[in-house]
Amino acid sequence: MQERRLAAIMFTDIVGYTALMGLDENCAFEVLPKNREIHSA
């Protein structure tokens, strides 16, 4: 018998990230690791 497994993939977006990137690219890149840290906990 074949075993099947369901995988869930979560995609998160940071509200206003595109606008932030346009205004302050360095700040936008600082936000990314913080967002990943929050969602991996």
PDB file of N, CA and C in Angstrom:
ATOM      1  N   MET A   1       0.847  -1.190   0.000  1.00  0.00           N
ATOM      2  CA  MET A   1       0.000   0.000   0.000  1.00  0.00           C
ATOM      3  C   MET A   1       0.888   1.248   0.000  1.00  0.00           C
ATOM      4  N   GLN A   2       0.530   2.228  -0.815  1.00  0.00           N
ATOM      5  CA  GLN A   2       1.310   3.463  -0.923  1.00  0.00           C
ATOM      6  C   GLN A   2       0.921   4.431   0.194  1.00  0.00           C
ATOM      7  N   GLU A   3       1.943   5.019   0.831  1.00  0.00           N
ATOM      8  CA  GLU A   3       1.693   5.982   1.911  1.00  0.00           C
ATOM      9  C   GLU A   3       1.768   7.397   1.347  1.00  0.00           C
ATOM     10  N   ARG A   4       0.809   8.200   1.731  1.00  0.00           N
ATOM     11  CA  ARG A   4       0.790   9.598   1.286  1.00  0.00           C
ATOM     12  C   ARG A   4       0.861  10.503   2.499  1.00  0.00           C
ATOM     13  N   ARG A   5       1.545  11.616   2.321  1.00  0.00           N
ATOM     14  CA  ARG A   5       1.650  12.591   3.403  1.00  0.00           C
ATOM     15  C   ARG A   5       1.289  13.964   2.867  1.00  0.00           C
ATOM     16  N   LEU A   6       0.602  14.699   3.675  1.00  0.00           N
ATOM     17  CA  LEU A   6       0.210  16.053   3.308  1.00  0.00           C
ATOM     18  C   LEU A   6       1.197  17.035   3.917  1.00  0.00           C
ATOM     19  N   ALA A   7       1.681  17.947   3.115  1.00  0.00           N
ATOM     20  CA  ALA A   7       2.614  18.964   3.600  1.00  0.00           C
ATOM     21  C   ALA A   7       1.954  20.331   3.475  1.00  0.00           C
ATOM     22  N   ALA A   8       2.126  21.130   4.486  1.00  0.00           N
ATOM     23  CA  ALA A   8       1.590  22.497   4.465  1.00  0.00           C
ATOM     24  C   ALA A   8       2.757  23.469   4.329  1.00  0.00           C
ATOM     25  N   ILE A   9       2.608  24.401   3.442  1.00  0.00           N
ATOM     26  CA  ILE A   9       3.632  25.422   3.244  1.00  0.00           C
ATOM     27  C   ILE A   9       3.025  26.766   3.630  1.00  0.00           C
ATOM     28  N   MET A  10       3.711  27.467   4.505  1.00  0.00           N
ATOM     29  CA  MET A  10       3.211  28.756   4.945  1.00  0.00           C
ATOM     30  C   MET A  10       3.997  29.865   4.260  1.00  0.00           C
ATOM     31  N   PHE A  11       3.281  30.785   3.678  1.00  0.00           N
ATOM     32  CA  PHE A  11       3.899  31.947   3.056  1.00  0.00           C
ATOM     33  C   PHE A  11       3.412  33.171   3.804  1.00  0.00           C
ATOM     34  N   THR A  12       4.338  33.952   4.295  1.00  0.00           N
ATOM     35  CA  THR A  12       3.948  35.168   4.996  1.00  0.00           C
ATOM     36  C   THR A  12       4.476  36.378   4.256  1.00  0.00           C
ATOM     37  N   ASP A  13       3.738  37.440   4.366  1.00  0.00           N
ATOM     38  CA  ASP A  13       4.144  38.689   3.749  1.00  0.00           C
ATOM     39  C   ASP A  13       4.141  39.753   4.833  1.00  0.00           C
ATOM     40  N   ILE A  14       5.054  40.649   4.737  1.00  0.00           N
ATOM     41  CA  ILE A  14       5.136  41.727   5.706  1.00  0.00           C
ATOM     42  C   ILE A  14       4.306  42.883   5.157  1.00  0.00           C
ATOM     43  N   VAL A  15       3.340  43.328   5.955  1.00  0.00           N
ATOM     44  CA  VAL A  15       2.475  44.418   5.527  1.00  0.00           C
ATOM     45  C   VAL A  15       3.318  45.656   5.237  1.00  0.00           C
ATOM     46  N   GLY A  16       3.155  46.192   4.056  1.00  0.00           N
ATOM     47  CA  GLY A  16       3.871  47.396   3.670  1.00  0.00           C
ATOM     48  C   GLY A  16       5.323  47.183   3.292  1.00  0.00           C
ATOM     49  N   TYR A  17       5.732  45.912   3.089  1.00  0.00           N
ATOM     50  CA  TYR A  17       7.138  45.634   2.826  1.00  0.00           C
ATOM     51  C   TYR A  17       7.608  46.274   1.521  1.00  0.00           C
ATOM     52  N   THR A  18       6.782  46.215   0.491  1.00  0.00           N
ATOM     53  CA  THR A  18       7.170  46.796  -0.797  1.00  0.00           C
ATOM     54  C   THR A  18       7.375  48.300  -0.661  1.00  0.00           C
ATOM     55  N   ALA A  19       6.471  48.959   0.051  1.00  0.00           N
ATOM     56  CA  ALA A  19       6.612  50.406   0.267  1.00  0.00           C
ATOM     57  C   ALA A  19       7.856  50.694   1.096  1.00  0.00           C
ATOM     58  N   LEU A  20       8.093  49.881   2.120  1.00  0.00           N
ATOM     59  CA  LEU A  20       9.271  50.062   2.963  1.00  0.00           C
ATOM     60  C   LEU A  20      10.547  49.885   2.146  1.00  0.00           C
ATOM     61  N   MET A  21      10.543  48.909   1.257  1.00  0.00           N
ATOM     62  CA  MET A  21      11.706  48.656   0.408  1.00  0.00           C
ATOM     63  C   MET A  21      11.998  49.874  -0.468  1.00  0.00           C
ATOM     64  N   GLY A  22      10.931  50.500  -0.964  1.00  0.00           N
ATOM     65  CA  GLY A  22      11.104  51.681  -1.790  1.00  0.00           C
ATOM     66  C   GLY A  22      11.622  52.884  -1.018  1.00  0.00           C
ATOM     67  N   LEU A  23      11.215  52.974   0.239  1.00  0.00           N
ATOM     68  CA  LEU A  23      11.624  54.120   1.057  1.00  0.00           C
ATOM     69  C   LEU A  23      12.997  53.940   1.686  1.00  0.00           C
ATOM     70  N   ASP A  24      13.245  52.738   2.217  1.00  0.00           N
ATOM     71  CA  ASP A  24      14.490  52.509   2.955  1.00  0.00           C
ATOM     72  C   ASP A  24      14.889  51.038   2.811  1.00  0.00           C
ATOM     73  N   GLU A  25      15.705  50.752   1.811  1.00  0.00           N
ATOM     74  CA  GLU A  25      16.091  49.375   1.509  1.00  0.00           C
ATOM     75  C   GLU A  25      16.826  48.712   2.672  1.00  0.00           C
ATOM     76  N   ASN A  26      17.717  49.437   3.336  1.00  0.00           N
ATOM     77  CA  ASN A  26      18.461  48.854   4.461  1.00  0.00           C
ATOM     78  C   ASN A  26      17.529  48.458   5.594  1.00  0.00           C
ATOM     79  N   CYS A  27      16.569  49.305   5.898  1.00  0.00           N
ATOM     80  CA  CYS A  27      15.601  48.995   6.958  1.00  0.00           C
ATOM     81  C   CYS A  27      14.770  47.767   6.575  1.00  0.00           C
ATOM     82  N   ALA A  28      14.378  47.700   5.312  1.00  0.00           N
ATOM     83  CA  ALA A  28      13.581  46.568   4.847  1.00  0.00           C
ATOM     84  C   ALA A  28      14.340  45.252   5.031  1.00  0.00           C
ATOM     85  N   PHE A  29      15.639  45.255   4.734  1.00  0.00           N
ATOM     86  CA  PHE A  29      16.429  44.039   4.910  1.00  0.00           C
ATOM     87  C   PHE A  29      16.624  43.695   6.386  1.00  0.00           C
ATOM     88  N   GLU A  30      16.577  44.679   7.271  1.00  0.00           N
ATOM     89  CA  GLU A  30      16.669  44.408   8.711  1.00  0.00           C
ATOM     90  C   GLU A  30      15.394  43.742   9.225  1.00  0.00           C
ATOM     91  N   VAL A  31      14.269  44.040   8.603  1.00  0.00           N
ATOM     92  CA  VAL A  31      12.978  43.494   9.037  1.00  0.00           C
ATOM     93  C   VAL A  31      12.857  41.999   8.717  1.00  0.00           C
ATOM     94  N   LEU A  32      13.460  41.553   7.616  1.00  0.00           N
ATOM     95  CA  LEU A  32      13.313  40.161   7.192  1.00  0.00           C
ATOM     96  C   LEU A  32      13.714  39.129   8.246  1.00  0.00           C
ATOM     97  N   PRO A  33      14.910  39.216   8.843  1.00  0.00           N
ATOM     98  CA  PRO A  33      15.269  38.212   9.849  1.00  0.00           C
ATOM     99  C   PRO A  33      14.344  38.236  11.069  1.00  0.00           C
ATOM    100  N   LYS A  34      13.876  39.412  11.435  1.00  0.00           N
ATOM    101  CA  LYS A  34      12.948  39.511  12.561  1.00  0.00           C
ATOM    102  C   LYS A  34      11.650  38.791  12.237  1.00  0.00           C
ATOM    103  N   ASN A  35      11.153  38.955  11.012  1.00  0.00           N
ATOM    104  CA  ASN A  35       9.929  38.282  10.592  1.00  0.00           C
ATOM    105  C   ASN A  35      10.117  36.763  10.599  1.00  0.00           C
ATOM    106  N   ARG A  36      11.242  36.301  10.098  1.00  0.00           N
ATOM    107  CA  ARG A  36      11.522  34.855  10.084  1.00  0.00           C
ATOM    108  C   ARG A  36      11.598  34.301  11.507  1.00  0.00           C
ATOM    109  N   GLU A  37      12.206  35.070  12.402  1.00  0.00           N
ATOM    110  CA  GLU A  37      12.343  34.641  13.803  1.00  0.00           C
ATOM    111  C   GLU A  37      10.972  34.491  14.465  1.00  0.00           C
ATOM    112  N   ILE A  38      10.087  35.417  14.201  1.00  0.00           N
ATOM    113  CA  ILE A  38       8.741  35.377  14.775  1.00  0.00           C
ATOM    114  C   ILE A  38       7.983  34.143  14.298  1.00  0.00           C
ATOM    115  N   HIS A  39       8.101  33.836  13.008  1.00  0.00           N
ATOM    116  CA  HIS A  39       7.326  32.743  12.447  1.00  0.00           C
ATOM    117  C   HIS A  39       7.948  31.371  12.651  1.00  0.00           C
ATOM    118  N   SER A  40       9.186  31.302  13.054  1.00  0.00           N
ATOM    119  CA  SER A  40       9.792  29.990  13.265  1.00  0.00           C
ATOM    120  C   SER A  40       9.684  29.544  14.720  1.00  0.00           C
ATOM    121  N   ALA A  41       9.193  30.396  15.562  1.00  0.00           N
ATOM    122  CA  ALA A  41       9.069  30.056  17.004  1.00  0.00           C
ATOM    123  C   ALA A  41       7.926  29.107  17.252  1.00  0.00           C
TER     124      ALA A  41
END
